[in-house]
């Protein structure tokens, strides 16, 4: 299960790399959407209610219909979709909720054996959506991830301050 800092950092960096300078304000303002799917942690349908493909698709359809706000809807869709995608690798998500109640998962790992052989495992499919996930037995944050996020935020503040000094 990716920690909340990972859910924030990965799509933020990706969007900052590909977005135009004039759209970067939306990338920052919409950042809380990257962790919004975890609000279902407080409900009885964790990893289903907000962890599905339909919310990003609705945003993409909205971008197609409302062309003047296209950038905002696409950025919002990327944040939600990235969260769902990363959680699919971290246990699974009920991606077709409410139409299909099994968890889609991807399990990929690279490990070394005791004989120093590299072992790559890859498994994917659907599994049972059990009561453990419904009751959100997972945690929301942990110390290492929180420390990493604070470090990245401080680095961003320093870069922004340095750029502001150069401009003035």
C-alpha atoms as a PDB file:
ATOM      1  CA  UNK A   1       0.000   0.000   0.000  1.00  0.00           C
ATOM      2  CA  UNK A   2       1.654   3.263  -1.089  1.00  0.00           C
ATOM      3  CA  UNK A   3       1.824   5.902   1.611  1.00  0.00           C
ATOM      4  CA  UNK A   4       0.171   9.258   1.124  1.00  0.00           C
ATOM      5  CA  UNK A   5       3.495  11.010   0.333  1.00  0.00           C
ATOM      6  CA  UNK A   6       4.034   8.640  -2.599  1.00  0.00           C
ATOM      7  CA  UNK A   7       0.495   9.321  -3.812  1.00  0.00           C
ATOM      8  CA  UNK A   8       1.344  13.024  -3.779  1.00  0.00           C
ATOM      9  CA  UNK A   9       4.928  13.059  -5.046  1.00  0.00           C
ATOM     10  CA  UNK A  10       4.670  10.721  -8.045  1.00  0.00           C
ATOM     11  CA  UNK A  11       1.822  12.418  -9.950  1.00  0.00           C
ATOM     12  CA  UNK A  12       3.000  15.882  -8.868  1.00  0.00           C
ATOM     13  CA  UNK A  13       6.449  15.355 -10.368  1.00  0.00           C
ATOM     14  CA  UNK A  14       5.000  13.763 -13.498  1.00  0.00           C
ATOM     15  CA  UNK A  15       2.563  16.629 -14.033  1.00  0.00           C
ATOM     16  CA  UNK A  16       5.195  19.283 -13.348  1.00  0.00           C
ATOM     17  CA  UNK A  17       7.434  17.665 -15.968  1.00  0.00           C
ATOM     18  CA  UNK A  18       4.802  17.601 -18.709  1.00  0.00           C
ATOM     19  CA  UNK A  19       2.691  20.672 -17.971  1.00  0.00           C
ATOM     20  CA  UNK A  20       3.112  24.129 -19.412  1.00  0.00           C
ATOM     21  CA  UNK A  21       4.332  26.827 -17.077  1.00  0.00           C
ATOM     22  CA  UNK A  22       0.944  28.586 -17.115  1.00  0.00           C
ATOM     23  CA  UNK A  23      -0.799  25.369 -15.999  1.00  0.00           C
ATOM     24  CA  UNK A  24       1.504  24.605 -13.081  1.00  0.00           C
ATOM     25  CA  UNK A  25      -0.684  26.597 -10.698  1.00  0.00           C
ATOM     26  CA  UNK A  26      -3.500  24.095 -11.363  1.00  0.00           C
ATOM     27  CA  UNK A  27      -1.086  21.216 -10.792  1.00  0.00           C
ATOM     28  CA  UNK A  28      -0.375  22.590  -7.320  1.00  0.00           C
ATOM     29  CA  UNK A  29      -3.932  23.651  -6.474  1.00  0.00           C
ATOM     30  CA  UNK A  30      -5.407  20.275  -7.426  1.00  0.00           C
ATOM     31  CA  UNK A  31      -2.727  18.259  -5.586  1.00  0.00           C
ATOM     32  CA  UNK A  32      -5.089  17.222  -2.723  1.00  0.00           C
ATOM     33  CA  UNK A  33      -7.024  15.155  -5.282  1.00  0.00           C
ATOM     34  CA  UNK A  34      -4.055  12.768  -5.344  1.00  0.00           C
ATOM     35  CA  UNK A  35      -5.021  11.510  -1.884  1.00  0.00           C
ATOM     36  CA  UNK A  36      -8.787  12.085  -2.132  1.00  0.00           C
ATOM     37  CA  UNK A  37      -9.588   8.425  -2.954  1.00  0.00           C
ATOM     38  CA  UNK A  38      -8.385   7.476   0.532  1.00  0.00           C
ATOM     39  CA  UNK A  39     -11.374   9.306   1.990  1.00  0.00           C
ATOM     40  CA  UNK A  40     -13.190   6.016   1.510  1.00  0.00           C
ATOM     41  CA  UNK A  41     -10.971   4.739   4.347  1.00  0.00           C
ATOM     42  CA  UNK A  42     -13.557   6.290   6.645  1.00  0.00           C
ATOM     43  CA  UNK A  43     -16.427   4.509   4.902  1.00  0.00           C
ATOM     44  CA  UNK A  44     -17.405   0.866   4.600  1.00  0.00           C
ATOM     45  CA  UNK A  45     -16.268   0.487   0.985  1.00  0.00           C
ATOM     46  CA  UNK A  46     -12.524   1.207   1.210  1.00  0.00           C
ATOM     47  CA  UNK A  47     -10.629   0.509  -2.025  1.00  0.00           C
ATOM     48  CA  UNK A  48     -13.969   0.432  -3.865  1.00  0.00           C
ATOM     49  CA  UNK A  49     -16.115   3.511  -3.375  1.00  0.00           C
ATOM     50  CA  UNK A  50     -13.496   6.038  -4.546  1.00  0.00           C
ATOM     51  CA  UNK A  51     -10.854   3.640  -5.910  1.00  0.00           C
ATOM     52  CA  UNK A  52     -12.473   2.855  -9.247  1.00  0.00           C
ATOM     53  CA  UNK A  53     -12.020   3.851 -12.871  1.00  0.00           C
ATOM     54  CA  UNK A  54     -15.271   5.752 -13.181  1.00  0.00           C
ATOM     55  CA  UNK A  55     -14.280   8.941 -11.348  1.00  0.00           C
ATOM     56  CA  UNK A  56     -11.270   9.629 -13.626  1.00  0.00           C
ATOM     57  CA  UNK A  57     -13.396   8.740 -16.663  1.00  0.00           C
ATOM     58  CA  UNK A  58     -16.095  11.224 -15.616  1.00  0.00           C
ATOM     59  CA  UNK A  59     -13.435  13.910 -15.329  1.00  0.00           C
ATOM     60  CA  UNK A  60     -12.024  13.060 -18.754  1.00  0.00           C
ATOM     61  CA  UNK A  61     -15.516  13.216 -20.275  1.00  0.00           C
ATOM     62  CA  UNK A  62     -15.995  16.584 -18.597  1.00  0.00           C
ATOM     63  CA  UNK A  63     -12.739  17.756 -20.181  1.00  0.00           C
ATOM     64  CA  UNK A  64     -14.032  16.692 -23.565  1.00  0.00           C
ATOM     65  CA  UNK A  65     -17.330  18.560 -23.065  1.00  0.00           C
ATOM     66  CA  UNK A  66     -16.031  21.725 -21.363  1.00  0.00           C
ATOM     67  CA  UNK A  67     -13.095  22.671 -23.546  1.00  0.00           C
ATOM     68  CA  UNK A  68     -12.347  25.934 -21.718  1.00  0.00           C
ATOM     69  CA  UNK A  69     -11.642  24.002 -18.473  1.00  0.00           C
ATOM     70  CA  UNK A  70      -9.988  21.022 -20.178  1.00  0.00           C
ATOM     71  CA  UNK A  71      -6.636  21.422 -18.428  1.00  0.00           C
ATOM     72  CA  UNK A  72      -8.204  21.442 -14.963  1.00  0.00           C
ATOM     73  CA  UNK A  73     -10.262  18.311 -15.603  1.00  0.00           C
ATOM     74  CA  UNK A  74      -7.316  16.427 -17.120  1.00  0.00           C
ATOM     75  CA  UNK A  75      -5.041  17.273 -14.188  1.00  0.00           C
ATOM     76  CA  UNK A  76      -7.750  16.177 -11.737  1.00  0.00           C
ATOM     77  CA  UNK A  77      -8.235  12.916 -13.667  1.00  0.00           C
ATOM     78  CA  UNK A  78      -4.489  12.215 -13.622  1.00  0.00           C
ATOM     79  CA  UNK A  79      -4.371  12.676  -9.842  1.00  0.00           C
ATOM     80  CA  UNK A  80      -7.292  10.320  -9.217  1.00  0.00           C
ATOM     81  CA  UNK A  81      -6.152   7.747 -11.783  1.00  0.00           C
ATOM     82  CA  UNK A  82      -2.588   7.701 -10.443  1.00  0.00           C
ATOM     83  CA  UNK A  83      -3.869   6.909  -6.959  1.00  0.00           C
ATOM     84  CA  UNK A  84      -6.010   4.038  -8.226  1.00  0.00           C
ATOM     85  CA  UNK A  85      -3.164   2.736 -10.408  1.00  0.00           C
ATOM     86  CA  UNK A  86      -0.613   2.733  -7.567  1.00  0.00           C
ATOM     87  CA  UNK A  87      -3.036   1.058  -5.163  1.00  0.00           C
ATOM     88  CA  UNK A  88      -3.640  -1.652  -7.760  1.00  0.00           C
ATOM     89  CA  UNK A  89       0.027  -2.567  -7.221  1.00  0.00           C
ATOM     90  CA  UNK A  90      -0.408  -2.291  -3.449  1.00  0.00           C
ATOM     91  CA  UNK A  91      -3.014  -4.937  -2.727  1.00  0.00           C
ATOM     92  CA  UNK A  92      -5.663  -4.175  -5.307  1.00  0.00           C
ATOM     93  CA  UNK A  93      -8.703  -2.000  -5.982  1.00  0.00           C
ATOM     94  CA  UNK A  94     -12.297  -2.720  -6.931  1.00  0.00           C
ATOM     95  CA  UNK A  95     -11.772  -0.976 -10.258  1.00  0.00           C
ATOM     96  CA  UNK A  96     -15.237  -1.647 -11.700  1.00  0.00           C
ATOM     97  CA  UNK A  97     -17.168  -0.774  -8.514  1.00  0.00           C
ATOM     98  CA  UNK A  98     -20.214  -0.849  -8.222  1.00  0.00           C
ATOM     99  CA  UNK A  99     -20.678  -3.155 -11.226  1.00  0.00           C
ATOM    100  CA  UNK A 100     -18.117  -5.818 -10.299  1.00  0.00           C
ATOM    101  CA  UNK A 101     -17.079  -6.541  -6.716  1.00  0.00           C
ATOM    102  CA  UNK A 102     -13.698  -8.218  -7.129  1.00  0.00           C
ATOM    103  CA  UNK A 103     -10.354  -6.505  -6.590  1.00  0.00           C
ATOM    104  CA  UNK A 104      -8.064  -6.007  -9.579  1.00  0.00           C
ATOM    105  CA  UNK A 105      -4.433  -6.399  -8.551  1.00  0.00           C
ATOM    106  CA  UNK A 106      -0.947  -6.467 -10.014  1.00  0.00           C
ATOM    107  CA  UNK A 107       1.892  -8.057  -8.090  1.00  0.00           C
ATOM    108  CA  UNK A 108       5.329  -7.452  -9.568  1.00  0.00           C
ATOM    109  CA  UNK A 109       8.547  -7.844  -7.634  1.00  0.00           C
ATOM    110  CA  UNK A 110      12.261  -8.227  -8.205  1.00  0.00           C
ATOM    111  CA  UNK A 111      14.104 -10.089  -5.477  1.00  0.00           C
ATOM    112  CA  UNK A 112      17.393 -11.850  -4.905  1.00  0.00           C
ATOM    113  CA  UNK A 113      17.597 -15.415  -3.693  1.00  0.00           C
ATOM    114  CA  UNK A 114      20.103 -16.724  -1.161  1.00  0.00           C
ATOM    115  CA  UNK A 115      22.216 -17.835  -4.136  1.00  0.00           C
ATOM    116  CA  UNK A 116      22.191 -14.216  -5.446  1.00  0.00           C
ATOM    117  CA  UNK A 117      19.914 -15.063  -8.348  1.00  0.00           C
ATOM    118  CA  UNK A 118      17.509 -12.371  -9.494  1.00  0.00           C
ATOM    119  CA  UNK A 119      13.912 -13.506  -9.249  1.00  0.00           C
ATOM    120  CA  UNK A 120      11.233 -11.559 -11.082  1.00  0.00           C
ATOM    121  CA  UNK A 121       7.640 -12.413 -10.248  1.00  0.00           C
ATOM    122  CA  UNK A 122       4.605 -11.042 -12.002  1.00  0.00           C
ATOM    123  CA  UNK A 123       1.006 -11.863 -11.210  1.00  0.00           C
ATOM    124  CA  UNK A 124      -2.229 -10.047 -11.990  1.00  0.00           C
ATOM    125  CA  UNK A 125      -5.939 -10.657 -12.007  1.00  0.00           C
ATOM    126  CA  UNK A 126      -8.930 -10.375  -9.747  1.00  0.00           C
ATOM    127  CA  UNK A 127      -9.310 -11.580  -6.177  1.00  0.00           C
ATOM    128  CA  UNK A 128     -11.993 -11.561  -3.523  1.00  0.00           C
ATOM    129  CA  UNK A 129     -12.919  -8.211  -1.989  1.00  0.00           C
ATOM    130  CA  UNK A 130     -12.960  -9.319   1.620  1.00  0.00           C
ATOM    131  CA  UNK A 131     -14.094  -7.739   4.873  1.00  0.00           C
ATOM    132  CA  UNK A 132     -10.540  -6.672   5.748  1.00  0.00           C
ATOM    133  CA  UNK A 133     -10.468  -4.236   2.864  1.00  0.00           C
ATOM    134  CA  UNK A 134     -14.055  -3.096   3.411  1.00  0.00           C
ATOM    135  CA  UNK A 135     -13.188  -2.086   6.962  1.00  0.00           C
ATOM    136  CA  UNK A 136      -9.987  -0.334   5.830  1.00  0.00           C
ATOM    137  CA  UNK A 137      -7.525  -2.270   7.900  1.00  0.00           C
ATOM    138  CA  UNK A 138      -4.722  -0.310   6.279  1.00  0.00           C
ATOM    139  CA  UNK A 139      -3.026   2.681   7.739  1.00  0.00           C
ATOM    140  CA  UNK A 140      -3.116   6.216   6.418  1.00  0.00           C
ATOM    141  CA  UNK A 141       0.451   7.322   7.088  1.00  0.00           C
ATOM    142  CA  UNK A 142       3.671   6.216   8.648  1.00  0.00           C
ATOM    143  CA  UNK A 143       6.748   7.986   9.920  1.00  0.00           C
ATOM    144  CA  UNK A 144       9.193   7.362   7.042  1.00  0.00           C
ATOM    145  CA  UNK A 145       6.759   8.503   4.370  1.00  0.00           C
ATOM    146  CA  UNK A 146       5.795  11.571   6.368  1.00  0.00           C
ATOM    147  CA  UNK A 147       9.447  12.494   6.824  1.00  0.00           C
ATOM    148  CA  UNK A 148      10.062  12.047   3.100  1.00  0.00           C
ATOM    149  CA  UNK A 149       7.140  14.303   2.271  1.00  0.00           C
ATOM    150  CA  UNK A 150       8.327  17.036   4.625  1.00  0.00           C
ATOM    151  CA  UNK A 151      11.798  16.832   3.058  1.00  0.00           C
ATOM    152  CA  UNK A 152      10.377  17.195  -0.471  1.00  0.00           C
ATOM    153  CA  UNK A 153       8.149  20.112   0.583  1.00  0.00           C
ATOM    154  CA  UNK A 154      11.100  21.897   2.181  1.00  0.00           C
ATOM    155  CA  UNK A 155      13.184  21.330  -0.955  1.00  0.00           C
ATOM    156  CA  UNK A 156      10.354  22.779  -3.059  1.00  0.00           C
ATOM    157  CA  UNK A 157      10.104  25.824  -0.794  1.00  0.00           C
ATOM    158  CA  UNK A 158      13.860  26.377  -1.079  1.00  0.00           C
ATOM    159  CA  UNK A 159      13.753  26.146  -4.877  1.00  0.00           C
ATOM    160  CA  UNK A 160      10.802  28.522  -5.041  1.00  0.00           C
ATOM    161  CA  UNK A 161      12.550  30.989  -2.718  1.00  0.00           C
ATOM    162  CA  UNK A 162      15.744  30.817  -4.791  1.00  0.00           C
ATOM    163  CA  UNK A 163      13.763  31.519  -7.978  1.00  0.00           C
ATOM    164  CA  UNK A 164      11.937  34.400  -6.309  1.00  0.00           C
ATOM    165  CA  UNK A 165      15.295  35.913  -5.235  1.00  0.00           C
ATOM    166  CA  UNK A 166      16.564  35.668  -8.834  1.00  0.00           C
ATOM    167  CA  UNK A 167      13.427  37.400 -10.169  1.00  0.00           C
ATOM    168  CA  UNK A 168      13.648  40.302  -7.723  1.00  0.00           C
END
